[in-house]
């Protein structure tokens, strides 16, 4: 379809993942992840993760500029 490898790299950067993190999350070996993303046929499970990530970004469900503190002070004197 398109540039899945580039989209995958953007996904990893946005989520703060490295291939090793993804391997750990999927209970796979690092080499398995690296081989999977360099094949001619990009893995469908990775495509789904990328599409979901991109849609969440578009809909504002993932943002990277929110403040770290979410406390609201209501008892001011």
N, C-alpha and C. Protein backbone atom coordinates (compact mmCIF):
# COMPACT_ATOMS: atom_id res chain seq x y z
N UNK A 1 0.83 -1.19 0.00
CA UNK A 1 0.00 0.00 0.00
C UNK A 1 0.87 1.25 0.00
N UNK A 2 1.44 1.53 1.11
CA UNK A 2 2.19 2.79 1.19
C UNK A 2 3.51 2.57 1.91
N UNK A 3 3.96 3.59 2.49
CA UNK A 3 5.25 3.63 3.16
C UNK A 3 5.13 3.10 4.60
N UNK A 4 4.82 1.83 4.75
CA UNK A 4 4.61 1.27 6.09
C UNK A 4 5.83 1.39 6.97
N UNK A 5 7.00 1.23 6.40
CA UNK A 5 8.23 1.32 7.20
C UNK A 5 8.38 2.72 7.80
N UNK A 6 8.11 3.75 6.99
CA UNK A 6 8.19 5.12 7.50
C UNK A 6 7.12 5.38 8.56
N UNK A 7 5.93 4.88 8.30
CA UNK A 7 4.84 5.05 9.27
C UNK A 7 5.17 4.31 10.57
N UNK A 8 5.79 3.14 10.45
CA UNK A 8 6.21 2.37 11.62
C UNK A 8 7.25 3.14 12.43
N UNK A 9 8.20 3.75 11.75
CA UNK A 9 9.22 4.55 12.45
C UNK A 9 8.58 5.74 13.17
N UNK A 10 7.60 6.38 12.54
CA UNK A 10 6.88 7.50 13.17
C UNK A 10 6.09 7.01 14.38
N UNK A 11 5.48 5.84 14.26
CA UNK A 11 4.74 5.23 15.37
C UNK A 11 5.68 4.97 16.55
N UNK A 12 6.82 4.37 16.27
CA UNK A 12 7.78 4.08 17.34
C UNK A 12 8.25 5.36 18.01
N UNK A 13 8.55 6.37 17.21
CA UNK A 13 9.02 7.63 17.77
C UNK A 13 7.93 8.28 18.63
N UNK A 14 6.71 8.31 18.11
CA UNK A 14 5.61 8.92 18.85
C UNK A 14 5.29 8.20 20.15
N UNK A 15 5.41 6.90 20.14
CA UNK A 15 5.11 6.12 21.34
C UNK A 15 6.33 5.97 22.26
N UNK A 16 7.48 6.37 21.76
CA UNK A 16 8.70 6.23 22.56
C UNK A 16 9.20 4.80 22.62
N UNK A 17 8.91 4.02 21.61
CA UNK A 17 9.32 2.62 21.55
C UNK A 17 10.56 2.44 20.71
N UNK A 18 11.28 1.40 21.03
CA UNK A 18 12.35 0.88 20.19
C UNK A 18 11.92 -0.53 19.81
N UNK A 19 12.57 -1.12 18.83
CA UNK A 19 12.20 -2.48 18.44
C UNK A 19 12.27 -3.44 19.62
N UNK A 20 13.21 -3.23 20.51
CA UNK A 20 13.36 -4.09 21.68
C UNK A 20 12.12 -3.99 22.57
N UNK A 21 11.57 -2.79 22.74
CA UNK A 21 10.36 -2.62 23.54
C UNK A 21 9.19 -3.38 22.93
N UNK A 22 9.06 -3.29 21.62
CA UNK A 22 7.97 -3.99 20.93
C UNK A 22 8.16 -5.50 21.05
N UNK A 23 9.38 -5.96 20.92
CA UNK A 23 9.66 -7.39 21.09
C UNK A 23 9.26 -7.85 22.49
N UNK A 24 9.59 -7.06 23.50
CA UNK A 24 9.22 -7.41 24.87
C UNK A 24 7.71 -7.44 25.06
N UNK A 25 7.03 -6.43 24.50
CA UNK A 25 5.56 -6.37 24.63
C UNK A 25 4.88 -7.56 23.96
N UNK A 26 5.43 -7.99 22.85
CA UNK A 26 4.84 -9.10 22.09
C UNK A 26 5.42 -10.46 22.49
N UNK A 27 6.32 -10.45 23.44
CA UNK A 27 6.98 -11.67 23.90
C UNK A 27 7.66 -12.39 22.73
N UNK A 28 8.38 -11.60 21.95
CA UNK A 28 9.12 -12.12 20.82
C UNK A 28 10.57 -11.69 20.93
N UNK A 29 11.40 -12.28 20.09
CA UNK A 29 12.82 -11.91 20.08
C UNK A 29 13.00 -10.67 19.22
N UNK A 30 14.00 -9.87 19.56
CA UNK A 30 14.28 -8.65 18.82
C UNK A 30 14.48 -8.94 17.33
N UNK A 31 15.23 -9.98 17.02
CA UNK A 31 15.47 -10.34 15.62
C UNK A 31 14.17 -10.60 14.88
N UNK A 32 13.19 -11.18 15.56
CA UNK A 32 11.90 -11.47 14.94
C UNK A 32 11.20 -10.18 14.51
N UNK A 33 11.27 -9.16 15.34
CA UNK A 33 10.64 -7.87 15.03
C UNK A 33 11.37 -7.23 13.85
N UNK A 34 12.68 -7.22 13.90
CA UNK A 34 13.47 -6.59 12.84
C UNK A 34 13.24 -7.26 11.49
N UNK A 35 13.15 -8.58 11.49
CA UNK A 35 12.90 -9.30 10.24
C UNK A 35 11.48 -9.01 9.75
N UNK A 36 10.52 -8.98 10.66
CA UNK A 36 9.12 -8.76 10.29
C UNK A 36 8.91 -7.43 9.58
N UNK A 37 9.55 -6.38 10.06
CA UNK A 37 9.30 -5.05 9.49
C UNK A 37 10.14 -4.74 8.26
N UNK A 38 11.03 -5.65 7.88
CA UNK A 38 11.82 -5.43 6.66
C UNK A 38 11.37 -6.33 5.52
N UNK A 39 10.37 -7.15 5.73
CA UNK A 39 9.84 -8.01 4.67
C UNK A 39 9.06 -7.19 3.67
N UNK A 40 8.86 -7.78 2.49
CA UNK A 40 8.05 -7.11 1.47
C UNK A 40 6.60 -6.95 1.95
N UNK A 41 6.07 -7.99 2.59
CA UNK A 41 4.72 -7.91 3.13
C UNK A 41 4.80 -7.49 4.59
N UNK A 42 4.39 -6.27 4.86
CA UNK A 42 4.44 -5.74 6.22
C UNK A 42 3.38 -6.45 7.07
N UNK A 43 3.70 -6.83 8.31
CA UNK A 43 2.76 -7.60 9.14
C UNK A 43 1.45 -6.85 9.40
N UNK A 44 0.35 -7.58 9.24
CA UNK A 44 -0.97 -6.98 9.45
C UNK A 44 -1.16 -6.46 10.87
N UNK A 45 -0.61 -7.17 11.85
CA UNK A 45 -0.78 -6.72 13.24
C UNK A 45 -0.09 -5.38 13.46
N UNK A 46 1.05 -5.18 12.81
CA UNK A 46 1.75 -3.90 12.93
C UNK A 46 0.97 -2.81 12.21
N UNK A 47 0.39 -3.17 11.06
CA UNK A 47 -0.43 -2.20 10.33
C UNK A 47 -1.58 -1.72 11.20
N UNK A 48 -2.23 -2.65 11.87
CA UNK A 48 -3.35 -2.29 12.73
C UNK A 48 -2.92 -1.34 13.84
N UNK A 49 -1.78 -1.62 14.46
CA UNK A 49 -1.27 -0.75 15.52
C UNK A 49 -0.98 0.65 14.97
N UNK A 50 -0.39 0.72 13.79
CA UNK A 50 -0.05 2.01 13.18
C UNK A 50 -1.31 2.79 12.83
N UNK A 51 -2.27 2.11 12.22
CA UNK A 51 -3.53 2.78 11.84
C UNK A 51 -4.25 3.28 13.09
N UNK A 52 -4.31 2.48 14.12
CA UNK A 52 -4.97 2.88 15.37
C UNK A 52 -4.26 4.09 15.97
N UNK A 53 -2.95 4.06 16.01
CA UNK A 53 -2.16 5.18 16.53
C UNK A 53 -2.45 6.46 15.73
N UNK A 54 -2.41 6.35 14.40
CA UNK A 54 -2.64 7.53 13.56
C UNK A 54 -4.05 8.09 13.75
N UNK A 55 -5.04 7.21 13.86
CA UNK A 55 -6.42 7.67 14.06
C UNK A 55 -6.59 8.34 15.42
N UNK A 56 -5.93 7.81 16.43
CA UNK A 56 -6.01 8.43 17.77
C UNK A 56 -5.36 9.80 17.76
N UNK A 57 -4.28 9.95 17.00
CA UNK A 57 -3.65 11.26 16.86
C UNK A 57 -4.60 12.24 16.18
N UNK A 58 -5.21 11.80 15.08
CA UNK A 58 -6.11 12.66 14.32
C UNK A 58 -7.32 13.10 15.15
N UNK A 59 -7.80 12.22 16.00
CA UNK A 59 -9.00 12.52 16.80
C UNK A 59 -8.66 13.19 18.13
N UNK A 60 -7.37 13.46 18.35
CA UNK A 60 -6.96 14.15 19.56
C UNK A 60 -6.96 13.30 20.81
N UNK A 61 -7.00 12.00 20.64
CA UNK A 61 -6.99 11.11 21.81
C UNK A 61 -5.58 10.89 22.34
N UNK A 62 -4.58 11.20 21.51
CA UNK A 62 -3.18 11.16 21.94
C UNK A 62 -2.64 12.56 21.70
N UNK A 63 -2.13 13.17 22.75
CA UNK A 63 -1.48 14.47 22.61
C UNK A 63 -0.17 14.42 23.35
N UNK A 64 0.75 15.26 22.93
CA UNK A 64 2.07 15.23 23.54
C UNK A 64 2.43 16.54 24.21
N UNK A 65 1.49 17.44 24.27
CA UNK A 65 1.81 18.74 24.85
C UNK A 65 0.96 19.06 26.07
N UNK A 66 0.40 18.06 26.71
CA UNK A 66 -0.40 18.28 27.90
C UNK A 66 0.51 18.50 29.10
N UNK A 67 0.05 19.28 30.05
CA UNK A 67 0.86 19.49 31.25
C UNK A 67 1.04 18.21 32.05
N UNK A 68 2.13 18.15 32.76
CA UNK A 68 2.40 16.95 33.56
C UNK A 68 1.49 16.87 34.78
N UNK A 69 1.10 18.01 35.31
CA UNK A 69 0.26 18.02 36.51
C UNK A 69 -1.18 18.25 36.08
N UNK A 70 -2.07 17.39 36.52
CA UNK A 70 -3.46 17.49 36.15
C UNK A 70 -4.33 17.93 37.33
N UNK A 71 -3.70 18.34 38.41
CA UNK A 71 -4.42 18.76 39.60
C UNK A 71 -5.07 20.11 39.39
N UNK A 72 -6.28 20.24 39.88
CA UNK A 72 -6.97 21.52 39.83
C UNK A 72 -7.17 21.99 41.26
N UNK A 73 -6.72 23.21 41.53
CA UNK A 73 -6.90 23.74 42.88
C UNK A 73 -8.28 24.38 42.96
N UNK A 74 -9.11 23.86 43.83
CA UNK A 74 -10.48 24.42 43.98
C UNK A 74 -10.66 25.11 45.32
N UNK A 75 -9.82 24.84 46.27
CA UNK A 75 -9.95 25.44 47.61
C UNK A 75 -8.96 26.58 47.80
N UNK A 76 -9.15 27.64 47.07
CA UNK A 76 -8.27 28.79 47.23
C UNK A 76 -8.85 29.71 48.28
N UNK A 77 -7.99 30.25 49.12
CA UNK A 77 -8.46 31.17 50.16
C UNK A 77 -7.88 32.52 49.95
